[in-house]
Amino acid sequence: MGERSIKLGTLAIVLAGGLALGSAQAESQPDRTIEQFSCKDMMREPDQNREVAIAFLHGYILGKSGDSKFNVETLEKQTDAFIDECLDNPQANAEAVMLKLKK
């Protein structure tokens, strides 16, 4: 199985699984909305959780668009740009940052 197949498989699993952000947050506020997450919230997560959260955000926005087609290399570039933008602007809304990068 090639690297691209593994990435696609991982992305599909993540998108199907949902957002796994902080157990402390989840316990204090079990019902959350995408709009509640700032860049700081996303960047504070441990590496694996941050990857899941970013992949979920990609999938959420893709689902809202009504499209099911995506390019892994484009997602990787958008992810890098998202992380850079969030590090520079931690108070920004995570969804708004990702939407801006997808235009």
C-alpha atoms as a PDB file:
ATOM      1  CA  MET A   1       0.000   0.000   0.000  1.00  0.00           C
ATOM      2  CA  GLY A   2       1.476   3.361  -1.029  1.00  0.00           C
ATOM      3  CA  GLU A   3       1.868   6.422   1.179  1.00  0.00           C
ATOM      4  CA  ARG A   4      -0.994   8.170  -0.619  1.00  0.00           C
ATOM      5  CA  SER A   5      -3.335   5.203   0.032  1.00  0.00           C
ATOM      6  CA  ILE A   6      -2.397   5.221   3.694  1.00  0.00           C
ATOM      7  CA  LYS A   7      -3.071   8.970   3.940  1.00  0.00           C
ATOM      8  CA  LEU A   8      -6.416   8.599   2.184  1.00  0.00           C
ATOM      9  CA  GLY A   9      -7.362   5.696   4.444  1.00  0.00           C
ATOM     10  CA  THR A  10      -6.331   7.608   7.537  1.00  0.00           C
ATOM     11  CA  LEU A  11      -8.275  10.661   6.420  1.00  0.00           C
ATOM     12  CA  ALA A  12     -11.378   8.568   5.767  1.00  0.00           C
ATOM     13  CA  ILE A  13     -11.165   6.978   9.224  1.00  0.00           C
ATOM     14  CA  VAL A  14     -10.660  10.337  10.880  1.00  0.00           C
ATOM     15  CA  LEU A  15     -13.536  11.942   9.010  1.00  0.00           C
ATOM     16  CA  ALA A  16     -15.817   9.077   9.933  1.00  0.00           C
ATOM     17  CA  GLY A  17     -14.683   9.077  13.557  1.00  0.00           C
ATOM     18  CA  GLY A  18     -15.238  12.713  14.516  1.00  0.00           C
ATOM     19  CA  LEU A  19     -13.443  15.369  16.488  1.00  0.00           C
ATOM     20  CA  ALA A  20     -11.451  14.209  19.515  1.00  0.00           C
ATOM     21  CA  LEU A  21     -10.642  17.431  21.304  1.00  0.00           C
ATOM     22  CA  GLY A  22      -9.542  17.489  24.937  1.00  0.00           C
ATOM     23  CA  SER A  23     -11.258  15.195  27.392  1.00  0.00           C
ATOM     24  CA  ALA A  24     -11.354  17.963  30.015  1.00  0.00           C
ATOM     25  CA  GLN A  25     -13.238  20.209  27.585  1.00  0.00           C
ATOM     26  CA  ALA A  26     -15.523  17.377  26.581  1.00  0.00           C
ATOM     27  CA  GLU A  27     -16.369  16.591  30.206  1.00  0.00           C
ATOM     28  CA  SER A  28     -17.173  20.194  31.098  1.00  0.00           C
ATOM     29  CA  GLN A  29     -19.066  20.893  27.869  1.00  0.00           C
ATOM     30  CA  PRO A  30     -20.164  17.667  26.174  1.00  0.00           C
ATOM     31  CA  ASP A  31     -22.036  19.424  23.356  1.00  0.00           C
ATOM     32  CA  ARG A  32     -19.819  21.726  21.326  1.00  0.00           C
ATOM     33  CA  THR A  33     -20.131  23.452  17.994  1.00  0.00           C
ATOM     34  CA  ILE A  34     -17.447  23.912  15.374  1.00  0.00           C
ATOM     35  CA  GLU A  35     -17.833  27.670  15.726  1.00  0.00           C
ATOM     36  CA  GLN A  36     -16.641  27.501  19.349  1.00  0.00           C
ATOM     37  CA  PHE A  37     -13.105  26.407  18.457  1.00  0.00           C
ATOM     38  CA  SER A  38     -10.382  28.991  18.205  1.00  0.00           C
ATOM     39  CA  CYS A  39      -7.020  28.389  16.640  1.00  0.00           C
ATOM     40  CA  LYS A  40      -5.587  28.315  20.154  1.00  0.00           C
ATOM     41  CA  ASP A  41      -7.933  25.439  21.058  1.00  0.00           C
ATOM     42  CA  MET A  42      -6.705  23.444  18.070  1.00  0.00           C
ATOM     43  CA  MET A  43      -3.012  24.222  18.538  1.00  0.00           C
ATOM     44  CA  ARG A  44      -3.067  23.304  22.252  1.00  0.00           C
ATOM     45  CA  GLU A  45      -4.028  19.726  21.517  1.00  0.00           C
ATOM     46  CA  PRO A  46      -1.338  17.007  21.623  1.00  0.00           C
ATOM     47  CA  ASP A  47       0.051  16.137  18.176  1.00  0.00           C
ATOM     48  CA  GLN A  48      -2.264  13.238  17.377  1.00  0.00           C
ATOM     49  CA  ASN A  49      -5.399  15.017  18.617  1.00  0.00           C
ATOM     50  CA  ARG A  50      -4.434  18.150  16.688  1.00  0.00           C
ATOM     51  CA  GLU A  51      -4.072  16.084  13.515  1.00  0.00           C
ATOM     52  CA  VAL A  52      -7.500  14.551  14.103  1.00  0.00           C
ATOM     53  CA  ALA A  53      -9.062  17.949  14.786  1.00  0.00           C
ATOM     54  CA  ILE A  54      -7.587  19.469  11.618  1.00  0.00           C
ATOM     55  CA  ALA A  55      -8.634  16.476   9.507  1.00  0.00           C
ATOM     56  CA  PHE A  56     -12.129  16.717  10.984  1.00  0.00           C
ATOM     57  CA  LEU A  57     -12.254  20.411  10.095  1.00  0.00           C
ATOM     58  CA  HIS A  58     -11.247  19.602   6.506  1.00  0.00           C
ATOM     59  CA  GLY A  59     -13.999  16.973   6.329  1.00  0.00           C
ATOM     60  CA  TYR A  60     -16.585  19.211   7.971  1.00  0.00           C
ATOM     61  CA  ILE A  61     -15.985  21.973   5.445  1.00  0.00           C
ATOM     62  CA  LEU A  62     -15.907  19.488   2.567  1.00  0.00           C
ATOM     63  CA  GLY A  63     -19.219  18.054   3.750  1.00  0.00           C
ATOM     64  CA  LYS A  64     -20.781  21.512   4.034  1.00  0.00           C
ATOM     65  CA  SER A  65     -19.755  22.230   0.454  1.00  0.00           C
ATOM     66  CA  GLY A  66     -21.723  19.212  -0.758  1.00  0.00           C
ATOM     67  CA  ASP A  67     -18.673  17.915  -2.595  1.00  0.00           C
ATOM     68  CA  SER A  68     -16.934  14.621  -1.938  1.00  0.00           C
ATOM     69  CA  LYS A  69     -13.849  15.131  -4.086  1.00  0.00           C
ATOM     70  CA  PHE A  70     -10.540  16.238  -2.554  1.00  0.00           C
ATOM     71  CA  ASN A  71      -6.830  16.259  -3.325  1.00  0.00           C
ATOM     72  CA  VAL A  72      -4.493  14.973  -0.600  1.00  0.00           C
ATOM     73  CA  GLU A  73      -1.603  17.225  -1.627  1.00  0.00           C
ATOM     74  CA  THR A  74      -3.873  20.273  -1.516  1.00  0.00           C
ATOM     75  CA  LEU A  75      -5.120  19.240   1.940  1.00  0.00           C
ATOM     76  CA  GLU A  76      -1.519  18.906   3.135  1.00  0.00           C
ATOM     77  CA  LYS A  77      -0.689  22.425   1.894  1.00  0.00           C
ATOM     78  CA  GLN A  78      -3.857  23.818   3.463  1.00  0.00           C
ATOM     79  CA  THR A  79      -3.007  22.074   6.739  1.00  0.00           C
ATOM     80  CA  ASP A  80       0.468  23.629   6.816  1.00  0.00           C
ATOM     81  CA  ALA A  81      -0.985  27.062   6.022  1.00  0.00           C
ATOM     82  CA  PHE A  82      -3.694  26.564   8.668  1.00  0.00           C
ATOM     83  CA  ILE A  83      -1.115  25.762  11.349  1.00  0.00           C
ATOM     84  CA  ASP A  84       1.004  28.793  10.395  1.00  0.00           C
ATOM     85  CA  GLU A  85      -2.041  31.090  10.414  1.00  0.00           C
ATOM     86  CA  CYS A  86      -3.260  29.708  13.750  1.00  0.00           C
ATOM     87  CA  LEU A  87       0.143  30.116  15.371  1.00  0.00           C
ATOM     88  CA  ASP A  88       0.202  33.742  14.190  1.00  0.00           C
ATOM     89  CA  ASN A  89      -3.437  34.393  15.206  1.00  0.00           C
ATOM     90  CA  PRO A  90      -4.365  32.120  18.128  1.00  0.00           C
ATOM     91  CA  GLN A  91      -7.622  33.944  18.909  1.00  0.00           C
ATOM     92  CA  ALA A  92      -8.947  33.521  15.352  1.00  0.00           C
ATOM     93  CA  ASN A  93     -11.886  31.207  14.764  1.00  0.00           C
ATOM     94  CA  ALA A  94     -10.496  27.897  13.465  1.00  0.00           C
ATOM     95  CA  GLU A  95     -13.327  27.334  10.971  1.00  0.00           C
ATOM     96  CA  ALA A  96     -12.983  30.857   9.553  1.00  0.00           C
ATOM     97  CA  VAL A  97      -9.237  30.396   9.083  1.00  0.00           C
ATOM     98  CA  MET A  98      -9.723  27.088   7.258  1.00  0.00           C
ATOM     99  CA  LEU A  99     -12.512  28.510   5.080  1.00  0.00           C
ATOM    100  CA  LYS A 100     -10.253  31.397   4.054  1.00  0.00           C
ATOM    101  CA  LEU A 101      -7.516  28.955   3.031  1.00  0.00           C
ATOM    102  CA  LYS A 102      -9.889  26.860   0.934  1.00  0.00           C
ATOM    103  CA  LYS A 103     -10.955  29.760  -1.327  1.00  0.00           C
END
